[in-house]
Amino acid sequence: FNFTPKYQLFVESQVHTYEPISNIQEFLFRPFLNYNVNKQFLVGLGLEYHNNWSYDTDRDQKTRETGFTITPQVELFQNIDRVAIGHRYRYEIRTIDGEHSERMRYRIQLGIPFSGTSVDKGEFSATMGTEIFVNTQQEFSLNQNQTYLMVGYQFTKSLNFEFGYMRLFMAAKEDENRLQFFLTQKLSFYAQE
């Protein structure tokens, strides 16, 4: 939700499953209040509530952990020819089942339109990126790494659909392969130029 050219509320909700459309792994709700310093620089503060469930095909055997996270973030944007490059830095202050932890996240993401120099209505694009998560308490250690490739279609100036593949490396668990589907709607509450 863009309230002014400078202030926006970004709300994200995700459901992750162990199998396609079944056996829920994670649910999260994550709103962010962002301030656009300029077109290339954004700062924000987010809150996250999530539930994670263990893997088990028997629903009665699943265990659940609940978490709450406070997240300041900075995003930097640049274009090199047709390629849009985004850098995102996040610091997460987390409470999971009463246990405190902290970690840093860095994501680099490339967006490439299939035609033209930008992604406009009625066009396809590709998005690829990687995000590294590092635990910061006691000693630095790799928590996880997400690498992904997606194809998207821009329905309108504000409505976009993407689908693709993610490889998730987790330090304490077995790696995961995920199919991803994103539907993004951007709403503006002011007259845009």
C-alpha atoms as a PDB file:
ATOM      1  CA  PHE A   1       0.000   0.000   0.000  1.00  0.00           C
ATOM      2  CA  ASN A   2       1.568   3.274  -1.094  1.00  0.00           C
ATOM      3  CA  PHE A   3       0.183   6.047   1.117  1.00  0.00           C
ATOM      4  CA  THR A   4       2.422   8.768  -0.358  1.00  0.00           C
ATOM      5  CA  PRO A   5       5.389   8.669  -2.743  1.00  0.00           C
ATOM      6  CA  LYS A   6       7.605   8.310   0.370  1.00  0.00           C
ATOM      7  CA  TYR A   7       5.646   5.970   2.708  1.00  0.00           C
ATOM      8  CA  GLN A   8       4.389   2.468   1.995  1.00  0.00           C
ATOM      9  CA  LEU A   9       2.995  -0.460   3.938  1.00  0.00           C
ATOM     10  CA  PHE A  10       4.123  -3.828   2.571  1.00  0.00           C
ATOM     11  CA  VAL A  11       2.158  -6.837   3.844  1.00  0.00           C
ATOM     12  CA  GLU A  12       3.309 -10.366   3.091  1.00  0.00           C
ATOM     13  CA  SER A  13       1.781 -13.671   4.067  1.00  0.00           C
ATOM     14  CA  GLN A  14       3.237 -17.061   3.120  1.00  0.00           C
ATOM     15  CA  VAL A  15       2.240 -20.697   3.502  1.00  0.00           C
ATOM     16  CA  HIS A  16       4.973 -23.306   2.920  1.00  0.00           C
ATOM     17  CA  THR A  17       4.077 -26.972   2.530  1.00  0.00           C
ATOM     18  CA  TYR A  18       6.093 -30.197   2.554  1.00  0.00           C
ATOM     19  CA  GLU A  19       4.092 -31.607  -0.358  1.00  0.00           C
ATOM     20  CA  PRO A  20       2.296 -29.620  -3.061  1.00  0.00           C
ATOM     21  CA  ILE A  21      -0.834 -28.123  -1.483  1.00  0.00           C
ATOM     22  CA  SER A  22      -0.713 -30.328   1.641  1.00  0.00           C
ATOM     23  CA  ASN A  23       1.157 -31.000   4.896  1.00  0.00           C
ATOM     24  CA  ILE A  24       1.771 -27.419   6.076  1.00  0.00           C
ATOM     25  CA  GLN A  25       5.343 -26.597   7.074  1.00  0.00           C
ATOM     26  CA  GLU A  26       5.134 -22.877   7.858  1.00  0.00           C
ATOM     27  CA  PHE A  27       2.719 -19.964   8.013  1.00  0.00           C
ATOM     28  CA  LEU A  28       3.981 -16.404   8.354  1.00  0.00           C
ATOM     29  CA  PHE A  29       2.474 -12.918   8.400  1.00  0.00           C
ATOM     30  CA  ARG A  30       4.934 -10.054   7.885  1.00  0.00           C
ATOM     31  CA  PRO A  31       3.958  -6.351   7.585  1.00  0.00           C
ATOM     32  CA  PHE A  32       6.647  -3.720   6.866  1.00  0.00           C
ATOM     33  CA  LEU A  33       6.417   0.074   7.119  1.00  0.00           C
ATOM     34  CA  ASN A  34       8.847   1.488   4.544  1.00  0.00           C
ATOM     35  CA  TYR A  35      10.214   4.938   3.772  1.00  0.00           C
ATOM     36  CA  ASN A  36      11.523   5.649   0.265  1.00  0.00           C
ATOM     37  CA  VAL A  37      14.512   7.945   0.779  1.00  0.00           C
ATOM     38  CA  ASN A  38      14.781   8.146  -3.027  1.00  0.00           C
ATOM     39  CA  LYS A  39      14.192   5.802  -5.992  1.00  0.00           C
ATOM     40  CA  GLN A  40      17.344   3.831  -5.190  1.00  0.00           C
ATOM     41  CA  PHE A  41      17.162   3.674  -1.367  1.00  0.00           C
ATOM     42  CA  LEU A  42      14.461   2.385   0.999  1.00  0.00           C
ATOM     43  CA  VAL A  43      14.490   1.844   4.779  1.00  0.00           C
ATOM     44  CA  GLY A  44      11.872  -0.106   6.693  1.00  0.00           C
ATOM     45  CA  LEU A  45      10.797  -1.762   9.894  1.00  0.00           C
ATOM     46  CA  GLY A  46       8.859  -5.015   9.963  1.00  0.00           C
ATOM     47  CA  LEU A  47       7.182  -7.372  12.385  1.00  0.00           C
ATOM     48  CA  GLU A  48       6.653 -11.066  11.751  1.00  0.00           C
ATOM     49  CA  TYR A  49       4.476 -13.696  13.343  1.00  0.00           C
ATOM     50  CA  HIS A  50       5.013 -17.293  12.239  1.00  0.00           C
ATOM     51  CA  ASN A  51       4.256 -20.917  13.049  1.00  0.00           C
ATOM     52  CA  ASN A  52       6.458 -23.830  11.933  1.00  0.00           C
ATOM     53  CA  TRP A  53       5.402 -27.486  12.018  1.00  0.00           C
ATOM     54  CA  SER A  54       7.623 -30.558  11.950  1.00  0.00           C
ATOM     55  CA  TYR A  55       7.390 -32.992   9.047  1.00  0.00           C
ATOM     56  CA  ASP A  56       4.963 -35.841   9.668  1.00  0.00           C
ATOM     57  CA  THR A  57       2.189 -37.258   7.501  1.00  0.00           C
ATOM     58  CA  ASP A  58       0.200 -37.952  10.694  1.00  0.00           C
ATOM     59  CA  ARG A  59      -1.204 -34.557  11.745  1.00  0.00           C
ATOM     60  CA  ASP A  60      -1.456 -35.685  15.394  1.00  0.00           C
ATOM     61  CA  GLN A  61       2.319 -36.322  15.526  1.00  0.00           C
ATOM     62  CA  LYS A  62       3.370 -32.883  14.229  1.00  0.00           C
ATOM     63  CA  THR A  63       5.020 -30.467  16.642  1.00  0.00           C
ATOM     64  CA  ARG A  64       4.699 -26.681  16.342  1.00  0.00           C
ATOM     65  CA  GLU A  65       6.965 -23.761  17.177  1.00  0.00           C
ATOM     66  CA  THR A  66       5.737 -20.167  17.288  1.00  0.00           C
ATOM     67  CA  GLY A  67       7.870 -17.118  16.650  1.00  0.00           C
ATOM     68  CA  PHE A  68       7.825 -13.335  16.618  1.00  0.00           C
ATOM     69  CA  THR A  69      10.462 -11.219  14.827  1.00  0.00           C
ATOM     70  CA  ILE A  70      11.325  -7.512  14.676  1.00  0.00           C
ATOM     71  CA  THR A  71      13.191  -6.641  11.465  1.00  0.00           C
ATOM     72  CA  PRO A  72      14.837  -3.386  10.405  1.00  0.00           C
ATOM     73  CA  GLN A  73      15.795  -3.438   6.725  1.00  0.00           C
ATOM     74  CA  VAL A  74      17.536  -1.418   4.011  1.00  0.00           C
ATOM     75  CA  GLU A  75      17.031  -1.915   0.270  1.00  0.00           C
ATOM     76  CA  LEU A  76      19.177  -0.536  -2.543  1.00  0.00           C
ATOM     77  CA  PHE A  77      18.116  -0.544  -6.216  1.00  0.00           C
ATOM     78  CA  GLN A  78      20.070  -0.005  -9.415  1.00  0.00           C
ATOM     79  CA  ASN A  79      19.708  -0.710 -13.122  1.00  0.00           C
ATOM     80  CA  ILE A  80      22.407  -1.841 -15.498  1.00  0.00           C
ATOM     81  CA  ASP A  81      20.961  -1.712 -19.004  1.00  0.00           C
ATOM     82  CA  ARG A  82      17.844  -3.974 -18.890  1.00  0.00           C
ATOM     83  CA  VAL A  83      18.760  -5.674 -15.599  1.00  0.00           C
ATOM     84  CA  ALA A  84      17.176  -4.387 -12.370  1.00  0.00           C
ATOM     85  CA  ILE A  85      19.386  -5.222  -9.377  1.00  0.00           C
ATOM     86  CA  GLY A  86      18.127  -5.183  -5.800  1.00  0.00           C
ATOM     87  CA  HIS A  87      20.165  -5.526  -2.617  1.00  0.00           C
ATOM     88  CA  ARG A  88      18.301  -6.136   0.642  1.00  0.00           C
ATOM     89  CA  TYR A  89      19.848  -6.152   4.119  1.00  0.00           C
ATOM     90  CA  ARG A  90      17.799  -7.300   7.119  1.00  0.00           C
ATOM     91  CA  TYR A  91      18.614  -7.793  10.786  1.00  0.00           C
ATOM     92  CA  GLU A  92      16.201 -10.097  12.615  1.00  0.00           C
ATOM     93  CA  ILE A  93      15.629  -9.996  16.373  1.00  0.00           C
ATOM     94  CA  ARG A  94      13.704 -13.215  16.973  1.00  0.00           C
ATOM     95  CA  THR A  95      11.824 -14.965  19.748  1.00  0.00           C
ATOM     96  CA  ILE A  96      10.959 -18.587  18.945  1.00  0.00           C
ATOM     97  CA  ASP A  97       9.079 -20.502  21.633  1.00  0.00           C
ATOM     98  CA  GLY A  98      10.501 -18.098  24.231  1.00  0.00           C
ATOM     99  CA  GLU A  99      14.132 -18.432  23.017  1.00  0.00           C
ATOM    100  CA  HIS A 100      15.916 -15.256  21.819  1.00  0.00           C
ATOM    101  CA  SER A 101      18.079 -15.285  18.687  1.00  0.00           C
ATOM    102  CA  GLU A 102      19.382 -12.840  16.095  1.00  0.00           C
ATOM    103  CA  ARG A 103      20.509 -13.162  12.513  1.00  0.00           C
ATOM    104  CA  MET A 104      21.464 -11.069   9.481  1.00  0.00           C
ATOM    105  CA  ARG A 105      20.126 -11.580   5.993  1.00  0.00           C
ATOM    106  CA  TYR A 106      21.511 -10.347   2.671  1.00  0.00           C
ATOM    107  CA  ARG A 107      19.692 -10.831  -0.632  1.00  0.00           C
ATOM    108  CA  ILE A 108      20.776  -9.942  -4.142  1.00  0.00           C
ATOM    109  CA  GLN A 109      18.086 -10.217  -6.795  1.00  0.00           C
ATOM    110  CA  LEU A 110      18.167  -9.657 -10.561  1.00  0.00           C
ATOM    111  CA  GLY A 111      15.069  -8.883 -12.623  1.00  0.00           C
ATOM    112  CA  ILE A 112      15.252  -9.164 -16.406  1.00  0.00           C
ATOM    113  CA  PRO A 113      12.378  -8.384 -18.809  1.00  0.00           C
ATOM    114  CA  PHE A 114      12.059 -10.793 -21.741  1.00  0.00           C
ATOM    115  CA  SER A 115      11.473  -7.814 -24.060  1.00  0.00           C
ATOM    116  CA  GLY A 116      11.995  -4.074 -23.708  1.00  0.00           C
ATOM    117  CA  THR A 117      13.992  -2.322 -21.026  1.00  0.00           C
ATOM    118  CA  SER A 118      11.511  -2.626 -18.127  1.00  0.00           C
ATOM    119  CA  VAL A 119       8.687  -4.931 -17.035  1.00  0.00           C
ATOM    120  CA  ASP A 120       5.445  -3.395 -18.305  1.00  0.00           C
ATOM    121  CA  LYS A 121       1.821  -4.569 -18.560  1.00  0.00           C
ATOM    122  CA  GLY A 122       1.473  -7.730 -20.644  1.00  0.00           C
ATOM    123  CA  GLU A 123       5.144  -8.717 -20.470  1.00  0.00           C
ATOM    124  CA  PHE A 124       7.064 -11.715 -19.139  1.00  0.00           C
ATOM    125  CA  SER A 125      10.221 -11.466 -17.036  1.00  0.00           C
ATOM    126  CA  ALA A 126      12.727 -13.591 -15.139  1.00  0.00           C
ATOM    127  CA  THR A 127      13.808 -13.087 -11.530  1.00  0.00           C
ATOM    128  CA  MET A 128      16.796 -14.797  -9.966  1.00  0.00           C
ATOM    129  CA  GLY A 129      18.558 -14.322  -6.697  1.00  0.00           C
ATOM    130  CA  THR A 130      20.093 -15.681  -3.570  1.00  0.00           C
ATOM    131  CA  GLU A 131      19.661 -14.813   0.104  1.00  0.00           C
ATOM    132  CA  ILE A 132      22.139 -15.699   2.843  1.00  0.00           C
ATOM    133  CA  PHE A 133      21.106 -15.949   6.523  1.00  0.00           C
ATOM    134  CA  VAL A 134      23.848 -15.684   9.175  1.00  0.00           C
ATOM    135  CA  ASN A 135      23.372 -16.298  12.914  1.00  0.00           C
ATOM    136  CA  THR A 136      24.965 -13.457  14.892  1.00  0.00           C
ATOM    137  CA  GLN A 137      24.752 -14.587  18.520  1.00  0.00           C
ATOM    138  CA  GLN A 138      27.843 -15.926  20.285  1.00  0.00           C
ATOM    139  CA  GLU A 139      29.611 -16.653  16.985  1.00  0.00           C
ATOM    140  CA  PHE A 140      28.772 -16.059  13.350  1.00  0.00           C
ATOM    141  CA  SER A 141      27.508 -19.133  11.510  1.00  0.00           C
ATOM    142  CA  LEU A 142      25.610 -19.822   8.314  1.00  0.00           C
ATOM    143  CA  ASN A 143      21.952 -20.468   9.108  1.00  0.00           C
ATOM    144  CA  GLN A 144      20.597 -20.986   5.592  1.00  0.00           C
ATOM    145  CA  ASN A 145      20.876 -19.974   1.936  1.00  0.00           C
ATOM    146  CA  GLN A 146      17.999 -19.629  -0.521  1.00  0.00           C
ATOM    147  CA  THR A 147      18.702 -19.570  -4.253  1.00  0.00           C
ATOM    148  CA  TYR A 148      15.836 -19.161  -6.694  1.00  0.00           C
ATOM    149  CA  LEU A 149      14.779 -18.645 -10.303  1.00  0.00           C
ATOM    150  CA  MET A 150      11.290 -17.485 -11.275  1.00  0.00           C
ATOM    151  CA  VAL A 151       9.321 -16.480 -14.368  1.00  0.00           C
ATOM    152  CA  GLY A 152       6.740 -13.736 -14.037  1.00  0.00           C
ATOM    153  CA  TYR A 153       3.918 -12.064 -15.937  1.00  0.00           C
ATOM    154  CA  GLN A 154       2.824  -8.442 -15.391  1.00  0.00           C
ATOM    155  CA  PHE A 155      -1.008  -8.356 -15.674  1.00  0.00           C
ATOM    156  CA  THR A 156      -1.359  -4.640 -14.905  1.00  0.00           C
ATOM    157  CA  LYS A 157       0.910  -1.858 -13.636  1.00  0.00           C
ATOM    158  CA  SER A 158       0.197  -3.089 -10.088  1.00  0.00           C
ATOM    159  CA  LEU A 159      -0.588  -6.851 -10.441  1.00  0.00           C
ATOM    160  CA  ASN A 160       2.131  -9.441 -11.039  1.00  0.00           C
ATOM    161  CA  PHE A 161       2.326 -13.261 -10.900  1.00  0.00           C
ATOM    162  CA  GLU A 162       5.561 -15.258 -10.558  1.00  0.00           C
ATOM    163  CA  PHE A 163       6.338 -18.962 -10.299  1.00  0.00           C
ATOM    164  CA  GLY A 164       9.593 -20.832 -10.038  1.00  0.00           C
ATOM    165  CA  TYR A 165      12.034 -23.005  -8.147  1.00  0.00           C
ATOM    166  CA  MET A 166      13.976 -22.480  -4.914  1.00  0.00           C
ATOM    167  CA  ARG A 167      16.848 -24.531  -3.508  1.00  0.00           C
ATOM    168  CA  LEU A 168      16.988 -24.101   0.264  1.00  0.00           C
ATOM    169  CA  PHE A 169      20.199 -25.029   2.081  1.00  0.00           C
ATOM    170  CA  MET A 170      19.742 -25.221   5.848  1.00  0.00           C
ATOM    171  CA  ALA A 171      22.713 -25.731   8.169  1.00  0.00           C
ATOM    172  CA  ALA A 172      20.858 -27.861  10.725  1.00  0.00           C
ATOM    173  CA  LYS A 173      18.435 -29.710   8.410  1.00  0.00           C
ATOM    174  CA  GLU A 174      18.272 -31.535   5.103  1.00  0.00           C
ATOM    175  CA  ASP A 175      18.250 -29.288   2.007  1.00  0.00           C
ATOM    176  CA  GLU A 176      14.860 -28.608   0.435  1.00  0.00           C
ATOM    177  CA  ASN A 177      13.607 -28.064  -3.116  1.00  0.00           C
ATOM    178  CA  ARG A 178      10.550 -25.820  -3.380  1.00  0.00           C
ATOM    179  CA  LEU A 179       8.114 -24.730  -6.037  1.00  0.00           C
ATOM    180  CA  GLN A 180       7.128 -21.104  -5.493  1.00  0.00           C
ATOM    181  CA  PHE A 181       4.051 -19.139  -6.568  1.00  0.00           C
ATOM    182  CA  PHE A 182       3.693 -15.415  -5.884  1.00  0.00           C
ATOM    183  CA  LEU A 183       0.789 -13.081  -6.594  1.00  0.00           C
ATOM    184  CA  THR A 184       1.718  -9.453  -5.859  1.00  0.00           C
ATOM    185  CA  GLN A 185      -0.773  -6.563  -5.792  1.00  0.00           C
ATOM    186  CA  LYS A 186       0.478  -3.010  -5.219  1.00  0.00           C
ATOM    187  CA  LEU A 187      -2.150  -0.508  -4.091  1.00  0.00           C
ATOM    188  CA  SER A 188      -1.635   3.275  -4.153  1.00  0.00           C
ATOM    189  CA  PHE A 189      -3.709   5.731  -2.122  1.00  0.00           C
ATOM    190  CA  TYR A 190      -2.457   8.848  -3.874  1.00  0.00           C
ATOM    191  CA  ALA A 191      -2.512  10.185  -7.459  1.00  0.00           C
ATOM    192  CA  GLN A 192       0.578   8.967  -9.279  1.00  0.00           C
ATOM    193  CA  GLU A 193       2.304  10.976 -11.994  1.00  0.00           C
END
